[in-house]
Amino acid sequence: MPQIKTAQGREIAYHKTEGRAPTIVFCGGLKSDMEGTKAIHLEAWAKAQGHAFLRFDYSGHGESGGRFEEGCIGDWHEDTLAAIEALTEGPLLVVGSSMGGWQALLLARAVPERLMGLVTIAAAPDFTEDGYWASFTDAQKAALEAVGHVELPSDYMDPYIITKRMIEDGRKHLVLRENLVLPFPTRFLQGTADTAVSVATAVRLLEHAQGDDIRLTLVKEADHRFSDARCLGLLEAAVEDVIASGG
């Protein structure tokens, strides 16, 4: 698996398909990797359409170097910036799933001139603060101080190790507390049966974001994976719509 090394010395594994602009960049979720159903499906779709496509693993994820427990939102933002700077040219259409939705929004804030459009699936902006920290008990907050981390159960895999560094770093990258300008076609996709990211979060993001072409699609009974045939078809349609709208 090819890799790049970031300015911080982290090794980031990636897979790049050449093609025409815009390059579609897939940002995966927390503890997910670039071999997930949505990334692989969208890559095949992009290849069939002739579009360039990039998927990659954040540090501590998948084939990349590092340990998950050592990472945080800011590190993975640096990894994402490094990947697009080293591996892409021209306009980007960024697709972000769950935590990758937060990463996509951070990209939109950091390098808006590179983005021609944005699609998110169950975007989870600010989840370290509004999800984890807001739900921690006094005992968990005390453990975070004393031990440096807490373990949280997951519906999908082994428990998440949530570190004090992840919480504190997350506060430096919140996107729902200040202006969030998305001056390009933007499509948010959200399932109503999602137990990890609520419909209320999706609506909050829609209401907070500023732009002339922003839409939220709610999908009845779709869960957080958003990976059945119906959902994958909606993802394709959203990407097609952004490309067509972006001209």
Protein backbone atom coordinates (compact mmCIF):
# COMPACT_ATOMS: atom_id res chain seq x y z
CA MET A 1 0.00 0.00 0.00
CA PRO A 2 1.57 3.34 -1.01
CA GLN A 3 2.13 5.89 1.76
CA ILE A 4 3.05 9.51 2.22
CA LYS A 5 4.75 11.01 5.25
CA THR A 6 3.22 14.12 6.80
CA ALA A 7 5.22 17.11 8.02
CA GLN A 8 4.64 15.73 11.52
CA GLY A 9 6.26 12.42 10.53
CA ARG A 10 3.10 10.31 10.38
CA GLU A 11 2.80 7.67 7.64
CA ILE A 12 -0.50 7.83 5.76
CA ALA A 13 -1.61 4.95 3.53
CA TYR A 14 -3.75 5.79 0.52
CA HIS A 15 -5.21 4.56 -2.76
CA LYS A 16 -5.49 6.94 -5.68
CA THR A 17 -7.36 6.43 -8.93
CA GLU A 18 -6.42 8.82 -11.73
CA GLY A 19 -9.11 10.56 -13.74
CA ARG A 20 -10.63 13.89 -14.60
CA ALA A 21 -11.58 16.70 -12.23
CA PRO A 22 -13.02 17.08 -9.76
CA THR A 23 -11.06 14.62 -7.67
CA ILE A 24 -13.45 12.91 -5.28
CA VAL A 25 -11.85 12.59 -1.83
CA PHE A 26 -13.35 10.22 0.73
CA CYS A 27 -12.86 10.97 4.44
CA GLY A 28 -13.78 8.01 6.62
CA GLY A 29 -15.17 7.81 10.11
CA LEU A 30 -13.68 7.32 13.55
CA LYS A 31 -11.90 3.95 13.76
CA SER A 32 -13.05 3.19 10.22
CA ASP A 33 -10.70 2.71 7.28
CA MET A 34 -10.50 3.23 3.55
CA GLU A 35 -11.68 -0.34 2.84
CA GLY A 36 -15.23 0.44 4.04
CA THR A 37 -18.29 -0.23 1.89
CA LYS A 38 -19.02 3.42 1.05
CA ALA A 39 -15.41 4.24 0.10
CA ILE A 40 -15.01 1.19 -2.14
CA HIS A 41 -18.42 1.65 -3.76
CA LEU A 42 -17.84 5.32 -4.47
CA GLU A 43 -14.38 4.58 -5.84
CA ALA A 44 -15.85 2.09 -8.33
CA TRP A 45 -18.53 4.61 -9.29
CA ALA A 46 -15.95 7.38 -9.78
CA LYS A 47 -13.78 5.10 -11.90
CA ALA A 48 -16.74 4.23 -14.10
CA GLN A 49 -17.47 7.95 -14.51
CA GLY A 50 -13.82 8.74 -15.25
CA HIS A 51 -13.27 10.89 -12.15
CA ALA A 52 -10.11 10.88 -10.07
CA PHE A 53 -10.65 9.40 -6.60
CA LEU A 54 -8.64 9.40 -3.38
CA ARG A 55 -9.23 7.37 -0.23
CA PHE A 56 -6.79 7.21 2.66
CA ASP A 57 -6.41 6.16 6.29
CA TYR A 58 -5.83 8.69 9.05
CA SER A 59 -2.92 7.93 11.36
CA GLY A 60 -3.88 5.21 13.82
CA HIS A 61 -6.46 3.87 11.36
CA GLY A 62 -6.31 1.00 8.86
CA GLU A 63 -2.99 0.65 7.04
CA SER A 64 -1.50 3.94 8.26
CA GLY A 65 1.11 4.19 10.99
CA GLY A 66 0.52 5.16 14.60
CA ARG A 67 -1.92 4.11 17.31
CA PHE A 68 -5.52 5.26 17.42
CA GLU A 69 -5.27 6.16 21.10
CA GLU A 70 -2.52 8.67 20.33
CA GLY A 71 -4.55 10.58 17.75
CA CYS A 72 -7.06 13.41 17.85
CA ILE A 73 -9.20 15.53 15.53
CA GLY A 74 -6.37 17.98 14.87
CA ASP A 75 -3.92 15.22 13.95
CA TRP A 76 -6.40 13.72 11.50
CA HIS A 77 -7.08 17.15 10.04
CA GLU A 78 -3.34 17.51 9.43
CA ASP A 79 -3.33 14.05 7.82
CA THR A 80 -6.21 15.03 5.53
CA LEU A 81 -4.52 18.26 4.49
CA ALA A 82 -1.27 16.39 3.83
CA ALA A 83 -3.05 13.82 1.67
CA ILE A 84 -4.83 16.34 -0.54
CA GLU A 85 -1.75 18.55 -0.84
CA ALA A 86 0.54 15.67 -1.81
CA LEU A 87 -1.83 13.61 -3.92
CA THR A 88 -4.34 15.89 -5.65
CA GLU A 89 -4.46 18.86 -7.98
CA GLY A 90 -7.31 21.10 -8.99
CA PRO A 91 -10.86 21.13 -7.64
CA LEU A 92 -12.00 18.63 -5.03
CA LEU A 93 -15.36 17.14 -4.20
CA VAL A 94 -14.99 16.00 -0.60
CA VAL A 95 -17.20 13.21 0.77
CA GLY A 96 -17.11 12.76 4.54
CA SER A 97 -18.71 10.00 6.61
CA SER A 98 -19.43 10.53 10.33
CA MET A 99 -16.19 11.90 11.85
CA GLY A 100 -15.08 12.30 8.24
CA GLY A 101 -17.94 14.76 7.86
CA TRP A 102 -16.30 16.89 10.56
CA GLN A 103 -12.99 16.50 8.72
CA ALA A 104 -14.66 17.59 5.47
CA LEU A 105 -16.04 20.70 7.18
CA LEU A 106 -12.58 21.47 8.59
CA LEU A 107 -11.18 21.19 5.05
CA ALA A 108 -13.85 23.58 3.82
CA ARG A 109 -12.73 26.05 6.46
CA ALA A 110 -8.99 25.55 5.88
CA VAL A 111 -8.79 25.43 2.07
CA PRO A 112 -12.15 26.64 0.68
CA GLU A 113 -10.48 27.53 -2.61
CA ARG A 114 -9.81 23.82 -3.28
CA LEU A 115 -13.38 22.61 -2.80
CA MET A 116 -15.99 22.69 -5.56
CA GLY A 117 -18.52 20.73 -3.52
CA LEU A 118 -19.20 18.75 -0.37
CA VAL A 119 -21.21 15.65 0.52
CA THR A 120 -21.53 14.27 4.05
CA ILE A 121 -23.08 11.08 5.38
CA ALA A 122 -24.19 11.22 9.02
CA ALA A 123 -21.77 14.08 9.64
CA ALA A 124 -20.62 14.26 13.26
CA PRO A 125 -19.20 17.76 13.78
CA ASP A 126 -18.07 18.66 17.31
CA PHE A 127 -18.91 15.17 18.63
CA THR A 128 -16.02 15.16 21.11
CA GLU A 129 -17.71 18.06 22.90
CA ASP A 130 -21.44 17.60 22.21
CA GLY A 131 -21.40 13.81 22.27
CA TYR A 132 -18.62 12.56 24.53
CA TRP A 133 -17.94 15.40 26.96
CA ALA A 134 -21.59 16.39 27.28
CA SER A 135 -22.57 12.83 28.21
CA PHE A 136 -19.68 12.03 30.56
CA THR A 137 -20.58 11.42 34.17
CA ASP A 138 -18.65 13.12 36.95
CA ALA A 139 -16.83 9.82 37.46
CA GLN A 140 -15.81 9.67 33.81
CA LYS A 141 -14.61 13.26 33.86
CA ALA A 142 -12.59 12.47 36.99
CA ALA A 143 -11.11 9.40 35.28
CA LEU A 144 -10.18 11.49 32.28
CA GLU A 145 -8.17 13.75 34.59
CA ALA A 146 -6.68 10.98 36.71
CA VAL A 147 -5.98 8.29 34.09
CA GLY A 148 -5.99 10.35 30.90
CA HIS A 149 -8.69 8.35 29.13
CA VAL A 150 -12.04 6.60 29.40
CA GLU A 151 -13.44 3.60 27.53
CA LEU A 152 -16.77 3.93 25.74
CA PRO A 153 -18.74 1.00 24.32
CA SER A 154 -19.36 0.90 20.58
CA ASP A 155 -22.23 -0.65 18.66
CA TYR A 156 -19.87 -1.58 15.84
CA MET A 157 -16.49 -2.65 17.25
CA ASP A 158 -14.24 -2.74 20.30
CA PRO A 159 -14.67 -0.01 22.91
CA TYR A 160 -13.46 3.44 21.97
CA ILE A 161 -10.57 4.76 24.05
CA ILE A 162 -11.35 8.45 24.47
CA THR A 163 -8.36 10.42 25.71
CA LYS A 164 -8.10 13.72 27.51
CA ARG A 165 -6.05 14.94 24.55
CA MET A 166 -8.86 14.07 22.12
CA ILE A 167 -11.38 16.05 24.17
CA GLU A 168 -9.12 19.07 24.65
CA ASP A 169 -7.93 19.09 21.03
CA GLY A 170 -11.50 18.74 19.79
CA ARG A 171 -12.32 22.08 21.40
CA LYS A 172 -9.80 23.74 19.10
CA HIS A 173 -11.59 22.45 16.00
CA LEU A 174 -15.28 23.00 16.72
CA VAL A 175 -17.26 24.12 13.67
CA LEU A 176 -20.74 24.73 15.10
CA ARG A 177 -19.69 27.60 17.39
CA GLU A 178 -18.53 30.07 14.75
CA ASN A 179 -19.30 30.95 11.16
CA LEU A 180 -19.26 27.96 8.82
CA VAL A 181 -19.32 29.20 5.25
CA LEU A 182 -19.89 26.57 2.55
CA PRO A 183 -19.91 28.60 -0.70
CA PHE A 184 -20.34 25.59 -3.00
CA PRO A 185 -22.98 22.90 -3.59
CA THR A 186 -23.33 20.96 -0.33
CA ARG A 187 -25.44 17.86 0.36
CA PHE A 188 -25.94 16.38 3.83
CA LEU A 189 -27.30 12.81 4.01
CA GLN A 190 -28.72 11.46 7.29
CA GLY A 191 -30.60 8.32 8.30
CA THR A 192 -33.49 8.60 10.75
CA ALA A 193 -32.57 5.29 12.46
CA ASP A 194 -28.98 6.40 13.13
CA THR A 195 -28.12 5.72 16.80
CA ALA A 196 -24.68 7.35 16.61
CA VAL A 197 -25.59 10.71 15.04
CA SER A 198 -29.05 12.18 15.61
CA VAL A 199 -31.34 13.87 13.12
CA ALA A 200 -31.17 16.87 15.46
CA THR A 201 -27.42 17.09 14.81
CA ALA A 202 -28.01 17.06 11.05
CA VAL A 203 -30.63 19.78 11.33
CA ARG A 204 -28.35 21.85 13.57
CA LEU A 205 -25.60 21.61 10.96
CA LEU A 206 -27.99 22.57 8.16
CA GLU A 207 -29.24 25.59 10.08
CA HIS A 208 -25.75 26.68 11.12
CA ALA A 209 -23.98 26.38 7.76
CA GLN A 210 -24.01 29.40 5.46
CA GLY A 211 -24.30 29.00 1.70
CA ASP A 212 -26.65 29.38 -1.25
CA ASP A 213 -26.89 25.68 -2.21
CA ILE A 214 -27.09 23.51 0.92
CA ARG A 215 -29.56 20.65 1.29
CA LEU A 216 -30.26 17.96 3.88
CA THR A 217 -31.76 14.63 2.83
CA LEU A 218 -33.31 12.51 5.60
CA VAL A 219 -33.62 8.82 4.79
CA LYS A 220 -36.34 6.91 6.63
CA GLU A 221 -35.00 3.96 8.68
CA ALA A 222 -31.42 4.28 7.40
CA ASP A 223 -28.84 3.61 10.12
CA HIS A 224 -25.35 4.98 10.73
CA ARG A 225 -23.69 2.61 8.29
CA PHE A 226 -25.73 4.09 5.41
CA SER A 227 -24.42 1.26 3.25
CA ASP A 228 -27.34 -0.68 1.81
CA ALA A 229 -28.13 -0.48 -1.89
CA ARG A 230 -30.69 2.30 -1.41
CA CYS A 231 -28.29 4.46 0.59
CA LEU A 232 -25.38 3.88 -1.77
CA GLY A 233 -27.62 4.94 -4.65
CA LEU A 234 -28.50 8.13 -2.78
CA LEU A 235 -24.80 8.78 -2.18
CA GLU A 236 -24.06 8.44 -5.89
CA ALA A 237 -26.95 10.76 -6.71
CA ALA A 238 -25.73 13.38 -4.23
CA VAL A 239 -22.23 13.33 -5.74
CA GLU A 240 -23.68 13.55 -9.26
CA ASP A 241 -25.88 16.46 -8.17
CA VAL A 242 -22.94 18.37 -6.71
CA ILE A 243 -20.86 17.85 -9.87
CA ALA A 244 -23.74 19.03 -12.04
CA SER A 245 -24.48 22.00 -9.78
CA GLY A 246 -20.84 23.00 -9.56
CA GLY A 247 -20.60 23.21 -13.30
